[in-house]
Amino acid sequence: MFKKLSVLNQRITQAGWKFVSQKMFAEKEKGQTLSEYGVIIGVVVGVVVVAVVVAFRGQIVAAFQAATNALRSAR
């Protein structure tokens, strides 16, 4: 009788650990997925910023030159 109880207790313990470990890994994967989305968004934002700077390079340079000329003439 004690042997059967011991086997039953062992199976319950194993099932409990299996459940807990699945929950832990599920939470870890959710965090990992969120991190991956964050990296993807960061890369996309970086590409967009570079594309905007390249596309409006002439206007940006002209704005800085106008600001520089205004500061020089203000002396």
Protein backbone atom coordinates (compact mmCIF):
# COMPACT_ATOMS: atom_id res chain seq x y z
CA MET A 1 0.00 0.00 0.00
CA PHE A 2 2.78 2.46 0.87
CA LYS A 3 4.58 1.58 -2.33
CA LYS A 4 1.49 2.43 -4.40
CA LEU A 5 1.09 5.67 -2.48
CA SER A 6 4.74 6.49 -3.10
CA VAL A 7 4.38 5.90 -6.85
CA LEU A 8 1.21 8.00 -6.93
CA ASN A 9 2.93 10.80 -5.02
CA GLN A 10 5.87 10.65 -7.42
CA ARG A 11 3.57 10.90 -10.46
CA ILE A 12 1.69 13.83 -8.96
CA THR A 13 4.98 15.60 -8.23
CA GLN A 14 6.23 15.00 -11.76
CA ALA A 15 2.97 16.27 -13.24
CA GLY A 16 3.17 19.36 -11.03
CA TRP A 17 6.74 20.11 -12.10
CA LYS A 18 5.80 19.59 -15.73
CA PHE A 19 2.94 22.08 -15.39
CA VAL A 20 5.10 24.64 -13.61
CA SER A 21 7.95 24.33 -16.11
CA GLN A 22 5.55 24.75 -19.03
CA LYS A 23 4.19 27.92 -17.46
CA MET A 24 7.71 29.26 -16.87
CA PHE A 25 8.80 28.60 -20.44
CA ALA A 26 5.57 30.06 -21.84
CA GLU A 27 6.23 33.30 -19.94
CA LYS A 28 9.84 33.32 -21.14
CA GLU A 29 8.75 32.94 -24.76
CA LYS A 30 6.25 35.79 -24.42
CA GLY A 31 9.02 38.08 -23.21
CA GLN A 32 11.31 36.87 -25.95
CA THR A 33 8.66 37.57 -28.59
CA LEU A 34 8.13 41.06 -27.23
CA SER A 35 11.88 41.69 -27.37
CA GLU A 36 12.02 40.48 -30.96
CA TYR A 37 9.21 42.84 -31.95
CA GLY A 38 11.06 45.67 -30.23
CA VAL A 39 14.21 44.95 -32.23
CA ILE A 40 12.24 44.79 -35.48
CA ILE A 41 10.53 48.11 -34.73
CA GLY A 42 13.89 49.67 -33.88
CA VAL A 43 15.43 48.53 -37.17
CA VAL A 44 12.44 49.79 -39.16
CA VAL A 45 12.59 53.19 -37.43
CA GLY A 46 16.32 53.42 -38.14
CA VAL A 47 15.80 52.66 -41.81
CA VAL A 48 13.02 55.25 -42.05
CA VAL A 49 15.18 57.92 -40.39
CA VAL A 50 18.07 57.23 -42.76
CA ALA A 51 15.72 57.28 -45.78
CA VAL A 52 14.23 60.63 -44.71
CA VAL A 53 17.66 62.19 -44.18
CA VAL A 54 18.85 60.96 -47.57
CA ALA A 55 15.65 62.10 -49.30
CA PHE A 56 15.70 65.59 -47.78
CA ARG A 57 19.47 66.04 -47.74
CA GLY A 58 19.39 69.15 -49.93
CA GLN A 59 16.75 70.89 -47.83
CA ILE A 60 18.56 70.02 -44.60
CA VAL A 61 21.87 71.39 -45.89
CA ALA A 62 20.14 74.54 -47.13
CA ALA A 63 18.47 75.09 -43.76
CA PHE A 64 21.77 74.76 -41.91
CA GLN A 65 23.51 77.09 -44.37
CA ALA A 66 20.75 79.67 -43.94
CA ALA A 67 21.06 79.42 -40.15
CA THR A 68 24.85 79.76 -40.36
CA ASN A 69 24.59 82.80 -42.63
CA ALA A 70 22.04 84.41 -40.33
CA LEU A 71 24.32 83.92 -37.34
CA ARG A 72 27.34 85.29 -39.19
CA SER A 73 25.44 88.40 -40.31
CA ALA A 74 24.20 89.00 -36.76
CA ARG A 75 27.72 89.71 -35.48
